[in-house]
Amino acid sequence: MTLDAFLATVPLFDRLTPEQRSLIQSYIEVQDIPKDRVLLWEGSQHDAMYVLWEGRVMVSKKIRGHSEIVIAHLDPPNYFGEVDLLDGQGSSATVTAEVPCRVLAISQERLRQLLDRDAPLFASFAWALGRSLAGRLRATNQKVQEVVLWGLDATGADPADGG
């Protein structure tokens, strides 16, 4: 699959015109990642986000500083690293290649250059990113609700009586 054809399947880029997708390709770096390579370390700052073109990555999180749990497996056309790219507070999880991967890297610097060159294109990208992040937040809220309800059921606690 060509890069342009792939970008048309990625929710961050699927509403762009072919001309806009062509332009954004000049801001993307294609990287081949070997199996077991860590792309993002939890807590470390990174200056790029990644779109998974080929392969599969594992997203994990430290629990109580020692144990690590897998919170997701991502397949194409998922992306990761966007939170640190936006807020600069470090990666919220560790991302490791489970198999050899091909990713599209988009650095913070290149995004700023895109904003300077083509504000409407940047706005389309930012809007798509915001929509996607809102969807992820809703899914996380649903999972938190399920975990809380599971805990209440397991302990027999009734939130109506304060415990």
N, C-alpha and C. Protein backbone atom coordinates (compact mmCIF):
# COMPACT_ATOMS: atom_id res chain seq x y z
N MET A 1 0.84 -1.17 0.00
CA MET A 1 0.00 0.00 0.00
C MET A 1 0.89 1.24 0.00
N THR A 2 0.56 2.18 -0.83
CA THR A 2 1.34 3.42 -0.89
C THR A 2 1.08 4.25 0.37
N LEU A 3 1.97 5.19 0.64
CA LEU A 3 1.81 6.06 1.79
C LEU A 3 0.51 6.87 1.67
N ASP A 4 0.22 7.39 0.48
CA ASP A 4 -1.00 8.17 0.30
C ASP A 4 -2.24 7.33 0.56
N ALA A 5 -2.25 6.12 0.04
CA ALA A 5 -3.40 5.22 0.25
C ALA A 5 -3.55 4.90 1.74
N PHE A 6 -2.43 4.68 2.43
CA PHE A 6 -2.50 4.41 3.86
C PHE A 6 -3.04 5.63 4.62
N LEU A 7 -2.52 6.82 4.31
CA LEU A 7 -2.97 8.02 5.01
C LEU A 7 -4.48 8.21 4.88
N ALA A 8 -5.03 7.81 3.75
CA ALA A 8 -6.47 7.94 3.53
C ALA A 8 -7.27 7.03 4.48
N THR A 9 -6.62 6.03 5.10
CA THR A 9 -7.30 5.14 6.03
C THR A 9 -7.13 5.57 7.49
N VAL A 10 -6.26 6.52 7.74
CA VAL A 10 -5.95 6.97 9.10
C VAL A 10 -6.93 8.06 9.50
N PRO A 11 -7.66 7.87 10.61
CA PRO A 11 -8.65 8.87 11.02
C PRO A 11 -8.10 10.30 11.13
N LEU A 12 -6.82 10.45 11.43
CA LEU A 12 -6.24 11.79 11.53
C LEU A 12 -6.13 12.47 10.16
N PHE A 13 -6.13 11.68 9.09
CA PHE A 13 -5.89 12.23 7.76
C PHE A 13 -6.99 11.91 6.75
N ASP A 14 -7.97 11.09 7.13
CA ASP A 14 -8.93 10.59 6.14
C ASP A 14 -9.85 11.66 5.56
N ARG A 15 -9.99 12.79 6.21
CA ARG A 15 -10.85 13.86 5.69
C ARG A 15 -10.07 14.90 4.89
N LEU A 16 -8.77 14.68 4.76
CA LEU A 16 -7.96 15.61 3.98
C LEU A 16 -8.14 15.33 2.49
N THR A 17 -7.95 16.34 1.70
CA THR A 17 -7.98 16.16 0.25
C THR A 17 -6.70 15.44 -0.17
N PRO A 18 -6.68 14.84 -1.37
CA PRO A 18 -5.44 14.22 -1.85
C PRO A 18 -4.28 15.21 -1.88
N GLU A 19 -4.56 16.45 -2.20
CA GLU A 19 -3.50 17.47 -2.23
C GLU A 19 -2.95 17.73 -0.83
N GLN A 20 -3.85 17.80 0.15
CA GLN A 20 -3.41 18.01 1.53
C GLN A 20 -2.62 16.81 2.05
N ARG A 21 -3.07 15.59 1.70
CA ARG A 21 -2.32 14.39 2.13
C ARG A 21 -0.94 14.38 1.48
N SER A 22 -0.87 14.82 0.24
CA SER A 22 0.42 14.89 -0.44
C SER A 22 1.36 15.87 0.27
N LEU A 23 0.83 17.01 0.65
CA LEU A 23 1.64 18.01 1.35
C LEU A 23 2.10 17.49 2.70
N ILE A 24 1.21 16.86 3.44
CA ILE A 24 1.56 16.41 4.79
C ILE A 24 2.63 15.32 4.75
N GLN A 25 2.71 14.60 3.64
CA GLN A 25 3.75 13.57 3.52
C GLN A 25 5.15 14.15 3.65
N SER A 26 5.33 15.40 3.26
CA SER A 26 6.65 16.01 3.37
C SER A 26 7.02 16.34 4.82
N TYR A 27 6.06 16.21 5.73
CA TYR A 27 6.31 16.49 7.14
C TYR A 27 6.43 15.21 7.97
N ILE A 28 6.32 14.08 7.31
CA ILE A 28 6.33 12.77 7.97
C ILE A 28 7.64 12.05 7.67
N GLU A 29 8.19 11.41 8.69
CA GLU A 29 9.37 10.56 8.50
C GLU A 29 8.96 9.10 8.68
N VAL A 30 9.19 8.27 7.68
CA VAL A 30 8.90 6.84 7.78
C VAL A 30 10.07 6.17 8.49
N GLN A 31 9.77 5.37 9.51
CA GLN A 31 10.81 4.68 10.27
C GLN A 31 10.48 3.20 10.37
N ASP A 32 11.48 2.36 10.18
CA ASP A 32 11.34 0.93 10.39
C ASP A 32 11.87 0.60 11.77
N ILE A 33 11.06 -0.09 12.56
CA ILE A 33 11.36 -0.37 13.96
C ILE A 33 11.48 -1.88 14.17
N PRO A 34 12.60 -2.35 14.72
CA PRO A 34 12.73 -3.79 14.95
C PRO A 34 11.87 -4.27 16.12
N LYS A 35 11.60 -5.54 16.11
CA LYS A 35 10.85 -6.19 17.21
C LYS A 35 11.54 -5.91 18.54
N ASP A 36 10.74 -5.68 19.56
CA ASP A 36 11.17 -5.44 20.94
C ASP A 36 11.79 -4.07 21.19
N ARG A 37 11.85 -3.21 20.21
CA ARG A 37 12.38 -1.85 20.42
C ARG A 37 11.32 -1.02 21.13
N VAL A 38 11.74 -0.29 22.15
CA VAL A 38 10.84 0.62 22.85
C VAL A 38 10.83 1.94 22.09
N LEU A 39 9.64 2.36 21.69
CA LEU A 39 9.48 3.63 20.98
C LEU A 39 9.26 4.78 21.94
N LEU A 40 8.53 4.53 23.02
CA LEU A 40 8.27 5.54 24.04
C LEU A 40 8.44 4.90 25.41
N TRP A 41 9.13 5.59 26.30
CA TRP A 41 9.26 5.15 27.68
C TRP A 41 8.31 5.97 28.55
N GLU A 42 7.54 5.31 29.40
CA GLU A 42 6.64 6.01 30.29
C GLU A 42 7.41 7.04 31.11
N GLY A 43 6.90 8.27 31.15
CA GLY A 43 7.51 9.34 31.92
C GLY A 43 8.58 10.12 31.19
N SER A 44 9.12 9.56 30.10
CA SER A 44 10.15 10.26 29.34
C SER A 44 9.52 11.20 28.32
N GLN A 45 10.19 12.30 28.08
CA GLN A 45 9.69 13.26 27.10
C GLN A 45 10.16 12.87 25.71
N HIS A 46 9.27 13.02 24.77
CA HIS A 46 9.55 12.71 23.37
C HIS A 46 9.06 13.88 22.53
N ASP A 47 9.62 14.05 21.38
CA ASP A 47 9.22 15.20 20.57
C ASP A 47 8.48 14.80 19.30
N ALA A 48 7.89 13.60 19.31
CA ALA A 48 7.17 13.15 18.12
C ALA A 48 6.00 12.27 18.51
N MET A 49 5.04 12.22 17.60
CA MET A 49 3.98 11.23 17.71
C MET A 49 4.17 10.26 16.55
N TYR A 50 3.55 9.10 16.67
CA TYR A 50 3.75 8.04 15.68
C TYR A 50 2.41 7.49 15.22
N VAL A 51 2.33 7.20 13.94
CA VAL A 51 1.19 6.50 13.37
C VAL A 51 1.70 5.13 12.94
N LEU A 52 1.06 4.09 13.39
CA LEU A 52 1.48 2.73 13.08
C LEU A 52 1.00 2.36 11.68
N TRP A 53 1.94 2.17 10.76
CA TRP A 53 1.62 1.82 9.37
C TRP A 53 1.59 0.30 9.21
N GLU A 54 2.59 -0.38 9.77
CA GLU A 54 2.66 -1.85 9.70
C GLU A 54 3.13 -2.37 11.05
N GLY A 55 2.66 -3.56 11.43
CA GLY A 55 3.12 -4.19 12.67
C GLY A 55 2.12 -4.06 13.79
N ARG A 56 2.63 -4.23 14.98
CA ARG A 56 1.79 -4.20 16.19
C ARG A 56 2.67 -3.74 17.35
N VAL A 57 2.11 -2.88 18.19
CA VAL A 57 2.84 -2.42 19.38
C VAL A 57 2.05 -2.76 20.63
N MET A 58 2.77 -2.86 21.73
CA MET A 58 2.18 -3.12 23.04
C MET A 58 2.33 -1.84 23.86
N VAL A 59 1.25 -1.45 24.51
CA VAL A 59 1.25 -0.28 25.39
C VAL A 59 1.17 -0.81 26.81
N SER A 60 2.13 -0.41 27.65
CA SER A 60 2.15 -0.91 29.02
C SER A 60 2.36 0.25 29.99
N LYS A 61 2.00 -0.02 31.24
CA LYS A 61 2.07 1.01 32.27
C LYS A 61 2.60 0.39 33.56
N LYS A 62 3.46 1.15 34.24
CA LYS A 62 3.97 0.68 35.53
C LYS A 62 2.89 0.81 36.59
N ILE A 63 2.83 -0.19 37.44
CA ILE A 63 1.90 -0.19 38.56
C ILE A 63 2.72 -0.23 39.84
N ARG A 64 2.52 0.75 40.69
CA ARG A 64 3.26 0.85 41.95
C ARG A 64 4.76 0.79 41.75
N GLY A 65 5.24 1.28 40.62
CA GLY A 65 6.67 1.42 40.38
C GLY A 65 7.43 0.17 40.03
N HIS A 66 6.85 -1.02 40.24
CA HIS A 66 7.59 -2.26 40.00
C HIS A 66 6.97 -3.09 38.89
N SER A 67 5.73 -3.43 39.05
CA SER A 67 5.04 -4.27 38.07
C SER A 67 4.65 -3.44 36.86
N GLU A 68 4.47 -4.15 35.76
CA GLU A 68 4.03 -3.50 34.53
C GLU A 68 2.87 -4.30 33.97
N ILE A 69 1.82 -3.60 33.57
CA ILE A 69 0.68 -4.28 32.98
C ILE A 69 0.48 -3.78 31.55
N VAL A 70 0.02 -4.68 30.73
CA VAL A 70 -0.30 -4.32 29.34
C VAL A 70 -1.69 -3.71 29.35
N ILE A 71 -1.79 -2.51 28.80
CA ILE A 71 -3.10 -1.86 28.76
C ILE A 71 -3.71 -1.86 27.36
N ALA A 72 -2.88 -2.14 26.35
CA ALA A 72 -3.43 -2.19 24.99
C ALA A 72 -2.42 -2.81 24.03
N HIS A 73 -2.94 -3.33 22.95
CA HIS A 73 -2.16 -3.73 21.79
C HIS A 73 -2.71 -2.91 20.64
N LEU A 74 -1.85 -2.23 19.93
CA LEU A 74 -2.30 -1.37 18.84
C LEU A 74 -1.88 -1.92 17.49
N ASP A 75 -2.79 -1.87 16.55
CA ASP A 75 -2.56 -2.26 15.17
C ASP A 75 -2.77 -1.03 14.29
N PRO A 76 -2.31 -1.09 13.04
CA PRO A 76 -2.56 0.03 12.13
C PRO A 76 -4.06 0.26 11.97
N PRO A 77 -4.49 1.46 11.82
CA PRO A 77 -3.78 2.74 11.70
C PRO A 77 -3.78 3.54 13.00
N ASN A 78 -3.59 2.88 14.14
CA ASN A 78 -3.56 3.59 15.42
C ASN A 78 -2.33 4.49 15.52
N TYR A 79 -2.40 5.41 16.45
CA TYR A 79 -1.29 6.32 16.68
C TYR A 79 -1.03 6.42 18.18
N PHE A 80 0.15 6.95 18.53
CA PHE A 80 0.53 7.08 19.94
C PHE A 80 1.59 8.16 20.05
N GLY A 81 1.78 8.66 21.26
CA GLY A 81 2.77 9.72 21.51
C GLY A 81 2.19 11.11 21.41
N GLU A 82 0.90 11.22 21.10
CA GLU A 82 0.29 12.53 20.88
C GLU A 82 0.13 13.33 22.18
N VAL A 83 -0.07 12.65 23.31
CA VAL A 83 -0.29 13.37 24.56
C VAL A 83 0.96 14.14 24.96
N ASP A 84 2.12 13.48 24.96
CA ASP A 84 3.37 14.16 25.29
C ASP A 84 3.68 15.24 24.26
N LEU A 85 3.37 14.99 23.02
CA LEU A 85 3.60 15.98 21.97
C LEU A 85 2.82 17.26 22.27
N LEU A 86 1.61 17.09 22.80
CA LEU A 86 0.75 18.25 23.07
C LEU A 86 1.07 18.94 24.39
N ASP A 87 1.35 18.16 25.45
CA ASP A 87 1.52 18.82 26.75
C ASP A 87 2.95 18.81 27.29
N GLY A 88 3.85 18.05 26.67
CA GLY A 88 5.25 18.06 27.07
C GLY A 88 5.52 17.50 28.46
N GLN A 89 4.62 16.70 29.01
CA GLN A 89 4.79 16.19 30.36
C GLN A 89 5.29 14.75 30.42
N GLY A 90 5.75 14.23 29.32
CA GLY A 90 6.26 12.87 29.30
C GLY A 90 5.21 11.88 28.85
N SER A 91 5.68 10.78 28.34
CA SER A 91 4.78 9.76 27.82
C SER A 91 3.97 9.14 28.96
N SER A 92 2.69 8.92 28.72
CA SER A 92 1.82 8.37 29.76
C SER A 92 1.94 6.85 29.85
N ALA A 93 2.66 6.22 28.92
CA ALA A 93 2.84 4.77 28.93
C ALA A 93 4.09 4.42 28.13
N THR A 94 4.51 3.18 28.25
CA THR A 94 5.62 2.66 27.44
C THR A 94 5.03 1.96 26.23
N VAL A 95 5.63 2.19 25.06
CA VAL A 95 5.16 1.56 23.82
C VAL A 95 6.32 0.78 23.23
N THR A 96 6.09 -0.53 23.01
CA THR A 96 7.12 -1.45 22.53
C THR A 96 6.64 -2.17 21.28
N ALA A 97 7.51 -2.30 20.30
CA ALA A 97 7.17 -3.04 19.08
C ALA A 97 7.10 -4.53 19.41
N GLU A 98 5.95 -5.14 19.14
CA GLU A 98 5.79 -6.58 19.37
C GLU A 98 6.35 -7.38 18.21
N VAL A 99 6.35 -6.78 17.05
CA VAL A 99 6.86 -7.37 15.81
C VAL A 99 7.58 -6.25 15.08
N PRO A 100 8.33 -6.54 14.03
CA PRO A 100 8.89 -5.44 13.25
C PRO A 100 7.77 -4.51 12.79
N CYS A 101 8.00 -3.22 12.91
CA CYS A 101 6.97 -2.22 12.60
C CYS A 101 7.50 -1.17 11.63
N ARG A 102 6.57 -0.56 10.97
CA ARG A 102 6.84 0.64 10.19
C ARG A 102 5.91 1.71 10.74
N VAL A 103 6.50 2.84 11.12
CA VAL A 103 5.72 3.93 11.69
C VAL A 103 5.97 5.22 10.92
N LEU A 104 5.03 6.11 11.04
CA LEU A 104 5.17 7.46 10.51
C LEU A 104 5.42 8.36 11.72
N ALA A 105 6.56 9.01 11.75
CA ALA A 105 6.89 9.92 12.86
C ALA A 105 6.60 11.35 12.43
N ILE A 106 5.93 12.07 13.33
CA ILE A 106 5.61 13.47 13.08
C ILE A 106 6.13 14.25 14.28
N SER A 107 7.21 15.00 14.08
CA SER A 107 7.82 15.72 15.20
C SER A 107 7.07 17.01 15.50
N GLN A 108 7.25 17.47 16.72
CA GLN A 108 6.64 18.73 17.14
C GLN A 108 7.14 19.88 16.25
N GLU A 109 8.41 19.86 15.94
CA GLU A 109 8.99 20.90 15.08
C GLU A 109 8.33 20.90 13.70
N ARG A 110 8.15 19.71 13.13
CA ARG A 110 7.52 19.63 11.80
C ARG A 110 6.06 20.07 11.85
N LEU A 111 5.35 19.77 12.96
CA LEU A 111 3.98 20.25 13.10
C LEU A 111 3.94 21.78 13.15
N ARG A 112 4.89 22.38 13.83
CA ARG A 112 4.95 23.85 13.88
C ARG A 112 5.23 24.41 12.48
N GLN A 113 6.10 23.75 11.74
CA GLN A 113 6.38 24.20 10.37
C GLN A 113 5.13 24.10 9.50
N LEU A 114 4.36 23.02 9.71
CA LEU A 114 3.12 22.86 8.96
C LEU A 114 2.14 23.98 9.29
N LEU A 115 2.04 24.34 10.57
CA LEU A 115 1.17 25.44 10.98
C LEU A 115 1.57 26.73 10.27
N ASP A 116 2.87 26.99 10.22
CA ASP A 116 3.35 28.21 9.56
C ASP A 116 3.08 28.21 8.06
N ARG A 117 3.17 27.04 7.45
CA ARG A 117 3.03 26.95 6.00
C ARG A 117 1.56 26.88 5.55
N ASP A 118 0.75 26.11 6.28
CA ASP A 118 -0.61 25.86 5.83
C ASP A 118 -1.54 25.73 7.04
N ALA A 119 -1.98 26.87 7.56
CA ALA A 119 -2.82 26.88 8.76
C ALA A 119 -4.12 26.09 8.58
N PRO A 120 -4.81 26.17 7.43
CA PRO A 120 -6.03 25.37 7.28
C PRO A 120 -5.76 23.86 7.35
N LEU A 121 -4.67 23.41 6.77
CA LEU A 121 -4.32 21.99 6.84
C LEU A 121 -4.01 21.60 8.28
N PHE A 122 -3.23 22.43 8.97
CA PHE A 122 -2.93 22.18 10.37
C PHE A 122 -4.22 22.13 11.19
N ALA A 123 -5.15 23.04 10.92
CA ALA A 123 -6.42 23.07 11.65
C ALA A 123 -7.21 21.78 11.42
N SER A 124 -7.22 21.27 10.20
CA SER A 124 -7.91 20.00 9.91
C SER A 124 -7.29 18.86 10.70
N PHE A 125 -5.96 18.82 10.72
CA PHE A 125 -5.25 17.80 11.48
C PHE A 125 -5.55 17.92 12.97
N ALA A 126 -5.48 19.16 13.51
CA ALA A 126 -5.72 19.38 14.93
C ALA A 126 -7.16 19.02 15.30
N TRP A 127 -8.11 19.32 14.44
CA TRP A 127 -9.51 18.99 14.70
C TRP A 127 -9.69 17.47 14.75
N ALA A 128 -9.08 16.77 13.80
CA ALA A 128 -9.17 15.31 13.78
C ALA A 128 -8.51 14.71 15.03
N LEU A 129 -7.40 15.27 15.44
CA LEU A 129 -6.73 14.80 16.65
C LEU A 129 -7.61 15.03 17.88
N GLY A 130 -8.22 16.19 17.95
CA GLY A 130 -9.13 16.49 19.07
C GLY A 130 -10.32 15.54 19.11
N ARG A 131 -10.92 15.26 17.96
CA ARG A 131 -12.03 14.30 17.90
C ARG A 131 -11.60 12.94 18.38
N SER A 132 -10.44 12.52 17.93
CA SER A 132 -9.94 11.20 18.31
C SER A 132 -9.63 11.14 19.81
N LEU A 133 -9.01 12.18 20.34
CA LEU A 133 -8.72 12.21 21.78
C LEU A 133 -10.00 12.21 22.60
N ALA A 134 -11.03 12.91 22.13
CA ALA A 134 -12.32 12.91 22.83
C ALA A 134 -12.90 11.50 22.86
N GLY A 135 -12.79 10.77 21.76
CA GLY A 135 -13.27 9.39 21.72
C GLY A 135 -12.50 8.50 22.68
N ARG A 136 -11.20 8.70 22.75
CA ARG A 136 -10.38 7.91 23.68
C ARG A 136 -10.75 8.23 25.13
N LEU A 137 -11.01 9.50 25.41
CA LEU A 137 -11.39 9.89 26.77
C LEU A 137 -12.72 9.26 27.15
N ARG A 138 -13.67 9.25 26.24
CA ARG A 138 -14.96 8.62 26.52
C ARG A 138 -14.79 7.12 26.80
N ALA A 139 -13.95 6.45 26.01
CA ALA A 139 -13.71 5.02 26.23
C ALA A 139 -13.04 4.78 27.57
N THR A 140 -12.10 5.64 27.95
CA THR A 140 -11.44 5.52 29.25
C THR A 140 -12.43 5.73 30.39
N ASN A 141 -13.30 6.72 30.25
CA ASN A 141 -14.32 6.96 31.27
C ASN A 141 -15.21 5.74 31.45
N GLN A 142 -15.57 5.09 30.35
CA GLN A 142 -16.40 3.90 30.41
C GLN A 142 -15.67 2.77 31.15
N LYS A 143 -14.38 2.61 30.86
CA LYS A 143 -13.60 1.57 31.55
C LYS A 143 -13.49 1.86 33.04
N VAL A 144 -13.29 3.12 33.40
CA VAL A 144 -13.21 3.48 34.82
C VAL A 144 -14.53 3.16 35.51
N GLN A 145 -15.63 3.48 34.87
CA GLN A 145 -16.94 3.18 35.44
C GLN A 145 -17.10 1.67 35.65
N GLU A 146 -16.69 0.88 34.67
CA GLU A 146 -16.81 -0.58 34.80
C GLU A 146 -15.95 -1.11 35.94
N VAL A 147 -14.74 -0.58 36.10
CA VAL A 147 -13.86 -1.02 37.18
C VAL A 147 -14.45 -0.65 38.54
N VAL A 148 -14.98 0.56 38.66
CA VAL A 148 -15.59 0.99 39.91
C VAL A 148 -16.79 0.10 40.24
N LEU A 149 -17.63 -0.16 39.26
CA LEU A 149 -18.79 -1.02 39.50
C LEU A 149 -18.36 -2.44 39.88
N TRP A 150 -17.31 -2.93 39.23
CA TRP A 150 -16.78 -4.26 39.58
C TRP A 150 -16.31 -4.26 41.03
N GLY A 151 -15.60 -3.21 41.44
CA GLY A 151 -15.12 -3.12 42.81
C GLY A 151 -16.26 -3.05 43.82
N LEU A 152 -17.29 -2.29 43.46
CA LEU A 152 -18.45 -2.21 44.36
C LEU A 152 -19.13 -3.56 44.48
N ASP A 153 -19.30 -4.24 43.35
CA ASP A 153 -19.92 -5.57 43.38
C ASP A 153 -19.07 -6.56 44.19
N ALA A 154 -17.74 -6.50 44.01
CA ALA A 154 -16.85 -7.44 44.68
C ALA A 154 -16.84 -7.24 46.19
N THR A 155 -16.99 -5.99 46.62
CA THR A 155 -16.93 -5.71 48.06
C THR A 155 -18.29 -5.64 48.71
N GLY A 156 -19.33 -5.58 47.89
CA GLY A 156 -20.68 -5.46 48.43
C GLY A 156 -20.99 -4.06 48.91
N ALA A 157 -20.12 -3.11 48.59
CA ALA A 157 -20.34 -1.72 49.02
C ALA A 157 -21.49 -1.10 48.25
N ASP A 158 -22.20 -0.23 48.92
CA ASP A 158 -23.31 0.48 48.29
C ASP A 158 -22.97 1.97 48.31
N PRO A 159 -22.74 2.56 47.13
CA PRO A 159 -22.36 3.98 47.09
C PRO A 159 -23.46 4.89 47.64
N ALA A 160 -24.70 4.41 47.68
CA ALA A 160 -25.80 5.23 48.17
C ALA A 160 -25.71 5.47 49.68
N ASP A 161 -25.05 4.53 50.38
CA ASP A 161 -24.95 4.74 51.84
C ASP A 161 -23.54 5.19 52.25
N GLY A 162 -22.76 5.65 51.27
CA GLY A 162 -21.44 6.20 51.57
C GLY A 162 -20.38 5.15 51.80
N GLY A 163 -20.60 3.92 51.46
CA GLY A 163 -19.53 2.96 51.67
C GLY A 163 -19.91 1.63 51.25
